[in-house]
């Protein structure tokens, strides 16, 4: 029974990814390729404008400064 549940969950995730791909297909996209433990992963990132870039950059800068200060 566990295989059926896993398959249903995987199908649901795939459906959701398809919906998101269709919804955001016209937004700018960046494709990055990463290799971990000999396995290649391709990551598609899209900028959809739902975040305040000033807040994100400010938070990242603060976190980095904090790390460097405490290191």
C-alpha atoms as a PDB file:
ATOM      1  CA  UNK A   1       0.000   0.000   0.000  1.00  0.00           C
ATOM      2  CA  UNK A   2       2.895   2.362   0.659  1.00  0.00           C
ATOM      3  CA  UNK A   3       3.926   2.280  -3.042  1.00  0.00           C
ATOM      4  CA  UNK A   4       0.435   3.432  -4.073  1.00  0.00           C
ATOM      5  CA  UNK A   5       0.515   6.295  -1.576  1.00  0.00           C
ATOM      6  CA  UNK A   6       3.976   7.368  -2.722  1.00  0.00           C
ATOM      7  CA  UNK A   7       2.911   7.234  -6.358  1.00  0.00           C
ATOM      8  CA  UNK A   8      -0.183   9.327  -5.620  1.00  0.00           C
ATOM      9  CA  UNK A   9       1.928  11.914  -3.796  1.00  0.00           C
ATOM     10  CA  UNK A  10       4.447  11.998  -6.630  1.00  0.00           C
ATOM     11  CA  UNK A  11       1.649  12.475  -9.190  1.00  0.00           C
ATOM     12  CA  UNK A  12       0.195  15.304  -7.107  1.00  0.00           C
ATOM     13  CA  UNK A  13       3.608  17.023  -6.896  1.00  0.00           C
ATOM     14  CA  UNK A  14       4.151  16.617 -10.643  1.00  0.00           C
ATOM     15  CA  UNK A  15       0.734  18.156 -11.317  1.00  0.00           C
ATOM     16  CA  UNK A  16       1.502  21.101  -9.062  1.00  0.00           C
ATOM     17  CA  UNK A  17       4.875  21.647 -10.773  1.00  0.00           C
ATOM     18  CA  UNK A  18       3.157  21.614 -14.171  1.00  0.00           C
ATOM     19  CA  UNK A  19       0.666  24.247 -12.945  1.00  0.00           C
ATOM     20  CA  UNK A  20       3.470  26.460 -11.638  1.00  0.00           C
ATOM     21  CA  UNK A  21       5.477  26.076 -14.857  1.00  0.00           C
ATOM     22  CA  UNK A  22       2.460  27.149 -16.900  1.00  0.00           C
ATOM     23  CA  UNK A  23       1.647  30.040 -14.568  1.00  0.00           C
ATOM     24  CA  UNK A  24       5.169  31.501 -14.626  1.00  0.00           C
ATOM     25  CA  UNK A  25       6.371  30.444 -18.111  1.00  0.00           C
ATOM     26  CA  UNK A  26       6.618  34.063 -19.356  1.00  0.00           C
ATOM     27  CA  UNK A  27       8.782  35.300 -16.461  1.00  0.00           C
ATOM     28  CA  UNK A  28      12.599  35.560 -16.686  1.00  0.00           C
ATOM     29  CA  UNK A  29      14.281  32.218 -16.041  1.00  0.00           C
ATOM     30  CA  UNK A  30      17.751  31.165 -14.893  1.00  0.00           C
ATOM     31  CA  UNK A  31      18.957  27.596 -15.252  1.00  0.00           C
ATOM     32  CA  UNK A  32      21.725  26.363 -12.943  1.00  0.00           C
ATOM     33  CA  UNK A  33      23.414  22.973 -13.042  1.00  0.00           C
ATOM     34  CA  UNK A  34      24.814  21.448  -9.852  1.00  0.00           C
ATOM     35  CA  UNK A  35      26.624  18.164  -9.356  1.00  0.00           C
ATOM     36  CA  UNK A  36      26.437  16.439  -5.983  1.00  0.00           C
ATOM     37  CA  UNK A  37      27.965  13.034  -5.307  1.00  0.00           C
ATOM     38  CA  UNK A  38      28.303  12.417  -9.046  1.00  0.00           C
ATOM     39  CA  UNK A  39      24.637  13.150  -9.775  1.00  0.00           C
ATOM     40  CA  UNK A  40      23.676  16.151 -11.920  1.00  0.00           C
ATOM     41  CA  UNK A  41      20.802  18.398 -10.791  1.00  0.00           C
ATOM     42  CA  UNK A  42      19.279  21.056 -13.039  1.00  0.00           C
ATOM     43  CA  UNK A  43      17.503  23.888 -11.216  1.00  0.00           C
ATOM     44  CA  UNK A  44      15.170  26.295 -13.014  1.00  0.00           C
ATOM     45  CA  UNK A  45      14.641  29.586 -11.142  1.00  0.00           C
ATOM     46  CA  UNK A  46      12.144  32.234 -12.195  1.00  0.00           C
ATOM     47  CA  UNK A  47      11.897  35.824 -11.012  1.00  0.00           C
ATOM     48  CA  UNK A  48       8.205  36.502 -10.567  1.00  0.00           C
ATOM     49  CA  UNK A  49       8.458  39.755  -8.605  1.00  0.00           C
ATOM     50  CA  UNK A  50       6.704  38.466  -5.511  1.00  0.00           C
ATOM     51  CA  UNK A  51       9.525  39.481  -3.166  1.00  0.00           C
ATOM     52  CA  UNK A  52      10.782  42.913  -2.226  1.00  0.00           C
ATOM     53  CA  UNK A  53      14.340  42.787  -3.554  1.00  0.00           C
ATOM     54  CA  UNK A  54      15.491  45.546  -1.162  1.00  0.00           C
ATOM     55  CA  UNK A  55      14.369  43.493   1.827  1.00  0.00           C
ATOM     56  CA  UNK A  56      15.985  40.311   0.506  1.00  0.00           C
ATOM     57  CA  UNK A  57      19.341  41.985  -0.220  1.00  0.00           C
ATOM     58  CA  UNK A  58      19.256  43.788   3.123  1.00  0.00           C
ATOM     59  CA  UNK A  59      18.573  40.555   5.007  1.00  0.00           C
ATOM     60  CA  UNK A  60      21.318  38.683   3.145  1.00  0.00           C
ATOM     61  CA  UNK A  61      23.826  41.482   3.777  1.00  0.00           C
ATOM     62  CA  UNK A  62      22.913  41.575   7.466  1.00  0.00           C
ATOM     63  CA  UNK A  63      23.258  37.792   7.832  1.00  0.00           C
ATOM     64  CA  UNK A  64      26.623  37.803   6.072  1.00  0.00           C
ATOM     65  CA  UNK A  65      27.944  40.676   8.198  1.00  0.00           C
ATOM     66  CA  UNK A  66      26.777  38.879  11.326  1.00  0.00           C
ATOM     67  CA  UNK A  67      28.519  35.648  10.260  1.00  0.00           C
ATOM     68  CA  UNK A  68      31.756  37.505   9.499  1.00  0.00           C
ATOM     69  CA  UNK A  69      31.610  39.382  12.798  1.00  0.00           C
ATOM     70  CA  UNK A  70      31.035  36.268  14.871  1.00  0.00           C
ATOM     71  CA  UNK A  71      33.503  34.101  12.955  1.00  0.00           C
END
